[in-house]
Amino acid sequence: MPENTGYAEIAAHYRQQIQDGTLRPGDTMPSLRQVCERFGVAQTTANRAYRALKMEGLTLAKSGVGTVVAGPISNNIASRVSLHAITGKALGGGETSQILEIGTVGADELVAPRLDVAPGTPVQVRRRLVSRGGVPVHISSSYYPAYVIAVTPELTEPVSTGGSRELAAERLGVEQDEVLEEVTSRKASTEEAAALGLTGKDVVVTQVVRTVILVDGRIVEVAVKVTGGQTILRWRSSLRRQGNDE
């Protein structure tokens, strides 16, 4: 690294190592002094890089140890939309997606009201297991109404589209507007626990139900994401008031 290395480049270096599994959950990060020596920067620069990683939920402070890599992280939809806009992919570095199920199911009491359809209405489901660095992070079950499948028949096939919502919105000619994400905890099913590598009796998981709405008010997707209880759900919201630059 050149002498004028900035904090963002240092953060990017360690972010990549965390995402590709070189640094795994629980591993101790290099000390600030080691970072300064390696990259030839002042401690304020190294500290700023580590603060960025902490704010992203990638690391945390551990008493008596220092900075360690946090547990598996499941990004929220805003992060994935932003990632897709930049890279054309919804998965980050070191992430893989394994399709578990694709087919038509009757909308249940959780999905039906969010898709604004009657219970039992046929909807398309795509269920996937997302892993990072070989470690299961979450199971995501996406449900699509008939008008979405009409323009994106690819969603009925066991192939990756690189961004299902983005493809559907593009085909419909309407941009994504907002997402409602509802978080709760519950007991894992036997299948969920097995897929996520969770053991023990009455394993608790975190469930995130997200409803993605287009600018014209139609629902493009309802997704149910299930993660282990120790998984960090990453959220970031701006606290700046519109029109206030201070």
C-alpha atoms as a PDB file:
ATOM      1  CA  MET A   1       0.000   0.000   0.000  1.00  0.00           C
ATOM      2  CA  PRO A   2       1.318   3.522  -0.799  1.00  0.00           C
ATOM      3  CA  GLU A   3       2.144   5.993   1.977  1.00  0.00           C
ATOM      4  CA  ASN A   4      -0.964   8.036   1.182  1.00  0.00           C
ATOM      5  CA  THR A   5      -3.278   5.111   1.866  1.00  0.00           C
ATOM      6  CA  GLY A   6      -6.603   6.363   3.225  1.00  0.00           C
ATOM      7  CA  TYR A   7      -8.857   4.858   5.875  1.00  0.00           C
ATOM      8  CA  ALA A   8     -11.386   3.720   3.241  1.00  0.00           C
ATOM      9  CA  GLU A   9      -8.759   1.592   1.486  1.00  0.00           C
ATOM     10  CA  ILE A  10      -7.699   0.012   4.765  1.00  0.00           C
ATOM     11  CA  ALA A  11     -11.322  -0.693   5.675  1.00  0.00           C
ATOM     12  CA  ALA A  12     -11.908  -2.184   2.206  1.00  0.00           C
ATOM     13  CA  HIS A  13      -8.881  -4.477   2.657  1.00  0.00           C
ATOM     14  CA  TYR A  14     -10.187  -5.976   5.899  1.00  0.00           C
ATOM     15  CA  ARG A  15     -13.815  -5.945   4.719  1.00  0.00           C
ATOM     16  CA  GLN A  16     -12.825  -8.181   1.810  1.00  0.00           C
ATOM     17  CA  GLN A  17     -10.938 -10.554   4.121  1.00  0.00           C
ATOM     18  CA  ILE A  18     -13.995 -10.825   6.367  1.00  0.00           C
ATOM     19  CA  GLN A  19     -16.370 -11.355   3.448  1.00  0.00           C
ATOM     20  CA  ASP A  20     -14.249 -14.020   1.728  1.00  0.00           C
ATOM     21  CA  GLY A  21     -13.667 -15.946   4.956  1.00  0.00           C
ATOM     22  CA  THR A  22      -9.945 -15.193   5.384  1.00  0.00           C
ATOM     23  CA  LEU A  23     -10.957 -13.602   8.677  1.00  0.00           C
ATOM     24  CA  ARG A  24     -13.718 -15.634  10.298  1.00  0.00           C
ATOM     25  CA  PRO A  25     -16.186 -14.841  13.111  1.00  0.00           C
ATOM     26  CA  GLY A  26     -14.323 -14.656  16.428  1.00  0.00           C
ATOM     27  CA  ASP A  27     -10.890 -14.034  14.866  1.00  0.00           C
ATOM     28  CA  THR A  28      -8.873 -11.229  16.454  1.00  0.00           C
ATOM     29  CA  MET A  29      -8.151  -8.301  14.165  1.00  0.00           C
ATOM     30  CA  PRO A  30      -4.621  -6.827  13.949  1.00  0.00           C
ATOM     31  CA  SER A  31      -3.955  -4.168  16.574  1.00  0.00           C
ATOM     32  CA  LEU A  32      -4.065  -0.513  15.574  1.00  0.00           C
ATOM     33  CA  ARG A  33      -0.291  -0.410  15.927  1.00  0.00           C
ATOM     34  CA  GLN A  34       0.065  -3.319  13.498  1.00  0.00           C
ATOM     35  CA  VAL A  35      -2.267  -1.599  11.048  1.00  0.00           C
ATOM     36  CA  CYS A  36      -0.233   1.600  11.270  1.00  0.00           C
ATOM     37  CA  GLU A  37       3.011  -0.287  10.636  1.00  0.00           C
ATOM     38  CA  ARG A  38       1.603  -2.331   7.754  1.00  0.00           C
ATOM     39  CA  PHE A  39       0.014   0.545   5.864  1.00  0.00           C
ATOM     40  CA  GLY A  40       2.346   3.323   6.964  1.00  0.00           C
ATOM     41  CA  VAL A  41      -0.429   5.511   8.346  1.00  0.00           C
ATOM     42  CA  ALA A  42      -1.122   7.503  11.493  1.00  0.00           C
ATOM     43  CA  GLN A  43      -3.149   5.957  14.292  1.00  0.00           C
ATOM     44  CA  THR A  44      -6.037   8.343  13.577  1.00  0.00           C
ATOM     45  CA  THR A  45      -6.317   6.834  10.062  1.00  0.00           C
ATOM     46  CA  ALA A  46      -6.186   3.262  11.356  1.00  0.00           C
ATOM     47  CA  ASN A  47      -8.730   4.070  14.040  1.00  0.00           C
ATOM     48  CA  ARG A  48     -11.074   5.618  11.473  1.00  0.00           C
ATOM     49  CA  ALA A  49     -10.831   2.487   9.301  1.00  0.00           C
ATOM     50  CA  TYR A  50     -11.676   0.262  12.263  1.00  0.00           C
ATOM     51  CA  ARG A  51     -14.547   2.519  13.224  1.00  0.00           C
ATOM     52  CA  ALA A  52     -15.994   2.114   9.707  1.00  0.00           C
ATOM     53  CA  LEU A  53     -15.847  -1.687  10.029  1.00  0.00           C
ATOM     54  CA  LYS A  54     -17.513  -1.512  13.434  1.00  0.00           C
ATOM     55  CA  MET A  55     -20.295   0.757  12.112  1.00  0.00           C
ATOM     56  CA  GLU A  56     -20.953  -1.785   9.353  1.00  0.00           C
ATOM     57  CA  GLY A  57     -21.375  -4.520  11.963  1.00  0.00           C
ATOM     58  CA  LEU A  58     -18.332  -6.423  10.702  1.00  0.00           C
ATOM     59  CA  THR A  59     -16.311  -6.172  13.919  1.00  0.00           C
ATOM     60  CA  LEU A  60     -16.858  -5.554  17.612  1.00  0.00           C
ATOM     61  CA  ALA A  61     -14.783  -4.783  20.690  1.00  0.00           C
ATOM     62  CA  LYS A  62     -14.079  -7.671  23.063  1.00  0.00           C
ATOM     63  CA  SER A  63     -12.838  -6.907  26.560  1.00  0.00           C
ATOM     64  CA  GLY A  64      -9.314  -8.156  27.181  1.00  0.00           C
ATOM     65  CA  VAL A  65      -8.866  -9.190  23.548  1.00  0.00           C
ATOM     66  CA  GLY A  66      -9.282  -6.171  21.292  1.00  0.00           C
ATOM     67  CA  THR A  67     -11.233  -5.970  18.056  1.00  0.00           C
ATOM     68  CA  VAL A  68     -12.694  -9.245  16.774  1.00  0.00           C
ATOM     69  CA  VAL A  69     -14.664 -10.281  13.713  1.00  0.00           C
ATOM     70  CA  ALA A  70     -18.388 -10.298  14.434  1.00  0.00           C
ATOM     71  CA  GLY A  71     -20.742 -13.180  13.702  1.00  0.00           C
ATOM     72  CA  PRO A  72     -22.381 -13.720  10.321  1.00  0.00           C
ATOM     73  CA  ILE A  73     -24.063 -10.599   8.965  1.00  0.00           C
ATOM     74  CA  SER A  74     -27.294 -10.497   6.986  1.00  0.00           C
ATOM     75  CA  ASN A  75     -27.598  -7.257   5.023  1.00  0.00           C
ATOM     76  CA  ASN A  76     -30.875  -5.413   4.801  1.00  0.00           C
ATOM     77  CA  ILE A  77     -32.560  -4.815   1.463  1.00  0.00           C
ATOM     78  CA  ALA A  78     -31.290  -1.231   1.077  1.00  0.00           C
ATOM     79  CA  SER A  79     -27.703  -2.501   1.175  1.00  0.00           C
ATOM     80  CA  ARG A  80     -28.446  -5.118  -1.460  1.00  0.00           C
ATOM     81  CA  VAL A  81     -30.261  -2.664  -3.733  1.00  0.00           C
ATOM     82  CA  SER A  82     -27.259  -0.351  -3.488  1.00  0.00           C
ATOM     83  CA  LEU A  83     -24.875  -3.238  -4.182  1.00  0.00           C
ATOM     84  CA  HIS A  84     -26.885  -4.284  -7.245  1.00  0.00           C
ATOM     85  CA  ALA A  85     -26.841  -0.736  -8.590  1.00  0.00           C
ATOM     86  CA  ILE A  86     -23.042  -0.678  -8.364  1.00  0.00           C
ATOM     87  CA  THR A  87     -22.101  -4.241  -9.347  1.00  0.00           C
ATOM     88  CA  GLY A  88     -25.171  -5.671 -11.090  1.00  0.00           C
ATOM     89  CA  LYS A  89     -25.292  -8.380  -8.427  1.00  0.00           C
ATOM     90  CA  ALA A  90     -27.271  -8.693  -5.217  1.00  0.00           C
ATOM     91  CA  LEU A  91     -24.616 -10.838  -3.530  1.00  0.00           C
ATOM     92  CA  GLY A  92     -21.463  -9.410  -2.009  1.00  0.00           C
ATOM     93  CA  GLY A  93     -17.923 -10.732  -1.994  1.00  0.00           C
ATOM     94  CA  GLY A  94     -17.635 -14.261  -0.632  1.00  0.00           C
ATOM     95  CA  GLU A  95     -21.407 -14.785  -0.765  1.00  0.00           C
ATOM     96  CA  THR A  96     -23.069 -17.704  -2.524  1.00  0.00           C
ATOM     97  CA  SER A  97     -26.732 -18.584  -3.039  1.00  0.00           C
ATOM     98  CA  GLN A  98     -28.071 -22.134  -3.158  1.00  0.00           C
ATOM     99  CA  ILE A  99     -31.603 -22.669  -4.444  1.00  0.00           C
ATOM    100  CA  LEU A 100     -33.588 -24.900  -2.096  1.00  0.00           C
ATOM    101  CA  GLU A 101     -37.048 -24.715  -3.687  1.00  0.00           C
ATOM    102  CA  ILE A 102     -38.834 -23.158  -6.658  1.00  0.00           C
ATOM    103  CA  GLY A 103     -42.508 -23.649  -7.376  1.00  0.00           C
ATOM    104  CA  THR A 104     -46.095 -22.516  -6.966  1.00  0.00           C
ATOM    105  CA  VAL A 105     -47.667 -22.475  -3.505  1.00  0.00           C
ATOM    106  CA  GLY A 106     -50.838 -21.125  -1.952  1.00  0.00           C
ATOM    107  CA  ALA A 107     -50.237 -17.813  -0.182  1.00  0.00           C
ATOM    108  CA  ASP A 108     -50.411 -18.435   3.577  1.00  0.00           C
ATOM    109  CA  GLU A 109     -51.653 -16.133   6.348  1.00  0.00           C
ATOM    110  CA  LEU A 110     -48.253 -14.420   6.557  1.00  0.00           C
ATOM    111  CA  VAL A 111     -47.770 -13.767   2.844  1.00  0.00           C
ATOM    112  CA  ALA A 112     -51.342 -13.288   1.540  1.00  0.00           C
ATOM    113  CA  PRO A 113     -52.208  -9.965   3.223  1.00  0.00           C
ATOM    114  CA  ARG A 114     -48.819  -8.501   2.332  1.00  0.00           C
ATOM    115  CA  LEU A 115     -49.248  -9.439  -1.335  1.00  0.00           C
ATOM    116  CA  ASP A 116     -52.830  -8.152  -1.126  1.00  0.00           C
ATOM    117  CA  VAL A 117     -54.305 -11.470  -2.288  1.00  0.00           C
ATOM    118  CA  ALA A 118     -56.756 -13.922  -0.757  1.00  0.00           C
ATOM    119  CA  PRO A 119     -55.285 -16.770   1.321  1.00  0.00           C
ATOM    120  CA  GLY A 120     -54.600 -19.776  -0.873  1.00  0.00           C
ATOM    121  CA  THR A 121     -54.021 -17.701  -4.019  1.00  0.00           C
ATOM    122  CA  PRO A 122     -51.275 -19.351  -6.139  1.00  0.00           C
ATOM    123  CA  VAL A 123     -47.997 -17.412  -5.927  1.00  0.00           C
ATOM    124  CA  GLN A 124     -44.461 -18.208  -7.039  1.00  0.00           C
ATOM    125  CA  VAL A 125     -41.838 -18.958  -4.377  1.00  0.00           C
ATOM    126  CA  ARG A 126     -38.041 -18.995  -4.658  1.00  0.00           C
ATOM    127  CA  ARG A 127     -36.332 -20.290  -1.520  1.00  0.00           C
ATOM    128  CA  ARG A 128     -32.563 -19.862  -1.229  1.00  0.00           C
ATOM    129  CA  LEU A 129     -29.783 -20.441   1.302  1.00  0.00           C
ATOM    130  CA  VAL A 130     -27.246 -17.611   1.331  1.00  0.00           C
ATOM    131  CA  SER A 131     -23.787 -18.311   2.763  1.00  0.00           C
ATOM    132  CA  ARG A 132     -20.755 -16.115   3.289  1.00  0.00           C
ATOM    133  CA  GLY A 133     -17.301 -17.675   3.268  1.00  0.00           C
ATOM    134  CA  GLY A 134     -18.969 -21.089   3.349  1.00  0.00           C
ATOM    135  CA  VAL A 135     -20.938 -20.265   6.513  1.00  0.00           C
ATOM    136  CA  PRO A 136     -24.771 -20.270   6.212  1.00  0.00           C
ATOM    137  CA  VAL A 137     -26.127 -16.774   6.892  1.00  0.00           C
ATOM    138  CA  HIS A 138     -29.833 -16.863   6.101  1.00  0.00           C
ATOM    139  CA  ILE A 139     -32.663 -18.604   4.282  1.00  0.00           C
ATOM    140  CA  SER A 140     -34.667 -16.296   2.041  1.00  0.00           C
ATOM    141  CA  SER A 141     -38.093 -17.230   0.659  1.00  0.00           C
ATOM    142  CA  SER A 142     -39.330 -14.744  -1.953  1.00  0.00           C
ATOM    143  CA  TYR A 143     -42.975 -14.732  -3.033  1.00  0.00           C
ATOM    144  CA  TYR A 144     -44.125 -13.110  -6.294  1.00  0.00           C
ATOM    145  CA  PRO A 145     -47.639 -12.317  -7.572  1.00  0.00           C
ATOM    146  CA  ALA A 146     -48.863 -13.431 -11.002  1.00  0.00           C
ATOM    147  CA  TYR A 147     -48.207 -10.090 -12.741  1.00  0.00           C
ATOM    148  CA  VAL A 148     -44.536 -10.263 -11.762  1.00  0.00           C
ATOM    149  CA  ILE A 149     -44.149 -13.817 -13.059  1.00  0.00           C
ATOM    150  CA  ALA A 150     -45.886 -12.820 -16.316  1.00  0.00           C
ATOM    151  CA  VAL A 151     -43.018 -10.472 -17.169  1.00  0.00           C
ATOM    152  CA  THR A 152     -40.181 -12.403 -15.510  1.00  0.00           C
ATOM    153  CA  PRO A 153     -40.709 -16.108 -16.304  1.00  0.00           C
ATOM    154  CA  GLU A 154     -37.057 -16.636 -15.341  1.00  0.00           C
ATOM    155  CA  LEU A 155     -38.220 -16.652 -11.734  1.00  0.00           C
ATOM    156  CA  THR A 156     -39.841 -20.037 -12.322  1.00  0.00           C
ATOM    157  CA  GLU A 157     -36.495 -21.558 -13.298  1.00  0.00           C
ATOM    158  CA  PRO A 158     -33.662 -22.755 -11.013  1.00  0.00           C
ATOM    159  CA  VAL A 159     -31.226 -20.135 -12.275  1.00  0.00           C
ATOM    160  CA  SER A 160     -29.839 -16.963 -10.715  1.00  0.00           C
ATOM    161  CA  THR A 161     -31.119 -13.705 -12.187  1.00  0.00           C
ATOM    162  CA  GLY A 162     -28.550 -11.561 -10.362  1.00  0.00           C
ATOM    163  CA  GLY A 163     -31.346  -9.483  -8.814  1.00  0.00           C
ATOM    164  CA  SER A 164     -34.923 -10.736  -9.100  1.00  0.00           C
ATOM    165  CA  ARG A 165     -36.662  -7.592  -7.838  1.00  0.00           C
ATOM    166  CA  GLU A 166     -34.578  -5.349 -10.039  1.00  0.00           C
ATOM    167  CA  LEU A 167     -35.329  -7.478 -13.088  1.00  0.00           C
ATOM    168  CA  ALA A 168     -39.056  -7.511 -12.348  1.00  0.00           C
ATOM    169  CA  ALA A 169     -39.171  -3.746 -11.768  1.00  0.00           C
ATOM    170  CA  GLU A 170     -37.317  -3.160 -15.024  1.00  0.00           C
ATOM    171  CA  ARG A 171     -39.693  -5.401 -16.985  1.00  0.00           C
ATOM    172  CA  LEU A 172     -42.712  -3.717 -15.396  1.00  0.00           C
ATOM    173  CA  GLY A 173     -41.235  -0.334 -16.211  1.00  0.00           C
ATOM    174  CA  VAL A 174     -41.716   0.906 -12.638  1.00  0.00           C
ATOM    175  CA  GLU A 175     -39.026   1.705 -10.073  1.00  0.00           C
ATOM    176  CA  GLN A 176     -38.873   0.273  -6.561  1.00  0.00           C
ATOM    177  CA  ASP A 177     -40.150   2.844  -4.091  1.00  0.00           C
ATOM    178  CA  GLU A 178     -39.941   1.560  -0.525  1.00  0.00           C
ATOM    179  CA  VAL A 179     -39.726  -1.513   1.640  1.00  0.00           C
ATOM    180  CA  LEU A 180     -41.424  -2.429   4.906  1.00  0.00           C
ATOM    181  CA  GLU A 181     -39.279  -4.780   6.998  1.00  0.00           C
ATOM    182  CA  GLU A 182     -40.846  -6.482  10.023  1.00  0.00           C
ATOM    183  CA  VAL A 183     -38.576  -8.302  12.466  1.00  0.00           C
ATOM    184  CA  THR A 184     -39.556 -10.917  15.010  1.00  0.00           C
ATOM    185  CA  SER A 185     -38.137 -14.015  16.717  1.00  0.00           C
ATOM    186  CA  ARG A 186     -39.533 -17.540  16.722  1.00  0.00           C
ATOM    187  CA  LYS A 187     -38.530 -21.176  17.002  1.00  0.00           C
ATOM    188  CA  ALA A 188     -36.820 -22.664  13.976  1.00  0.00           C
ATOM    189  CA  SER A 189     -38.390 -25.492  12.042  1.00  0.00           C
ATOM    190  CA  THR A 190     -36.405 -28.716  11.763  1.00  0.00           C
ATOM    191  CA  GLU A 191     -35.602 -27.911   8.121  1.00  0.00           C
ATOM    192  CA  GLU A 192     -34.475 -24.364   8.909  1.00  0.00           C
ATOM    193  CA  ALA A 193     -32.206 -25.466  11.743  1.00  0.00           C
ATOM    194  CA  ALA A 194     -30.598 -28.114   9.552  1.00  0.00           C
ATOM    195  CA  ALA A 195     -30.015 -25.733   6.620  1.00  0.00           C
ATOM    196  CA  LEU A 196     -28.490 -23.066   8.866  1.00  0.00           C
ATOM    197  CA  GLY A 197     -26.357 -25.563  10.782  1.00  0.00           C
ATOM    198  CA  LEU A 198     -28.064 -24.753  14.083  1.00  0.00           C
ATOM    199  CA  THR A 199     -28.104 -27.353  16.825  1.00  0.00           C
ATOM    200  CA  GLY A 200     -29.801 -27.711  20.162  1.00  0.00           C
ATOM    201  CA  LYS A 201     -33.358 -27.925  21.414  1.00  0.00           C
ATOM    202  CA  ASP A 202     -35.898 -25.215  20.590  1.00  0.00           C
ATOM    203  CA  VAL A 203     -33.464 -23.179  18.483  1.00  0.00           C
ATOM    204  CA  VAL A 204     -34.534 -19.541  18.153  1.00  0.00           C
ATOM    205  CA  VAL A 205     -34.181 -17.725  14.839  1.00  0.00           C
ATOM    206  CA  THR A 206     -34.813 -14.161  13.739  1.00  0.00           C
ATOM    207  CA  GLN A 207     -37.412 -13.678  11.018  1.00  0.00           C
ATOM    208  CA  VAL A 208     -37.513 -10.622   8.768  1.00  0.00           C
ATOM    209  CA  VAL A 209     -40.576 -10.155   6.550  1.00  0.00           C
ATOM    210  CA  ARG A 210     -40.010  -7.541   3.865  1.00  0.00           C
ATOM    211  CA  THR A 211     -42.628  -6.129   1.534  1.00  0.00           C
ATOM    212  CA  VAL A 212     -41.193  -4.283  -1.472  1.00  0.00           C
ATOM    213  CA  ILE A 213     -43.451  -1.671  -3.053  1.00  0.00           C
ATOM    214  CA  LEU A 214     -43.154  -0.095  -6.501  1.00  0.00           C
ATOM    215  CA  VAL A 215     -43.698   3.583  -7.243  1.00  0.00           C
ATOM    216  CA  ASP A 216     -47.156   2.793  -8.628  1.00  0.00           C
ATOM    217  CA  GLY A 217     -48.153   1.098  -5.352  1.00  0.00           C
ATOM    218  CA  ARG A 218     -47.986  -2.514  -6.545  1.00  0.00           C
ATOM    219  CA  ILE A 219     -46.114  -5.142  -4.556  1.00  0.00           C
ATOM    220  CA  VAL A 220     -43.167  -6.628  -6.426  1.00  0.00           C
ATOM    221  CA  GLU A 221     -42.055  -9.084  -3.735  1.00  0.00           C
ATOM    222  CA  VAL A 222     -42.764 -10.344  -0.247  1.00  0.00           C
ATOM    223  CA  ALA A 223     -39.759 -12.130   1.214  1.00  0.00           C
ATOM    224  CA  VAL A 224     -39.350 -14.027   4.457  1.00  0.00           C
ATOM    225  CA  LYS A 225     -35.744 -14.161   5.647  1.00  0.00           C
ATOM    226  CA  VAL A 226     -34.701 -16.444   8.505  1.00  0.00           C
ATOM    227  CA  THR A 227     -31.336 -16.136  10.276  1.00  0.00           C
ATOM    228  CA  GLY A 228     -29.727 -17.716  13.307  1.00  0.00           C
ATOM    229  CA  GLY A 229     -30.268 -15.923  16.589  1.00  0.00           C
ATOM    230  CA  GLN A 230     -26.606 -14.853  16.711  1.00  0.00           C
ATOM    231  CA  THR A 231     -26.655 -13.354  13.236  1.00  0.00           C
ATOM    232  CA  ILE A 232     -26.298  -9.578  13.064  1.00  0.00           C
ATOM    233  CA  LEU A 233     -29.003  -7.821  11.066  1.00  0.00           C
ATOM    234  CA  ARG A 234     -27.418  -4.703   9.646  1.00  0.00           C
ATOM    235  CA  TRP A 235     -29.468  -1.510   9.419  1.00  0.00           C
ATOM    236  CA  ARG A 236     -28.356   1.999   8.613  1.00  0.00           C
ATOM    237  CA  SER A 237     -30.644   5.029   8.394  1.00  0.00           C
ATOM    238  CA  SER A 238     -29.737   8.658   7.857  1.00  0.00           C
ATOM    239  CA  LEU A 239     -30.524  10.934  10.801  1.00  0.00           C
ATOM    240  CA  ARG A 240     -29.914  14.096   8.804  1.00  0.00           C
ATOM    241  CA  ARG A 241     -32.859  16.345   8.242  1.00  0.00           C
ATOM    242  CA  GLN A 242     -33.638  17.127   4.616  1.00  0.00           C
ATOM    243  CA  GLY A 243     -32.080  20.434   3.599  1.00  0.00           C
ATOM    244  CA  ASN A 244     -29.822  20.566   6.673  1.00  0.00           C
ATOM    245  CA  ASP A 245     -26.111  20.393   5.794  1.00  0.00           C
ATOM    246  CA  GLU A 246     -24.859  20.949   9.331  1.00  0.00           C
END
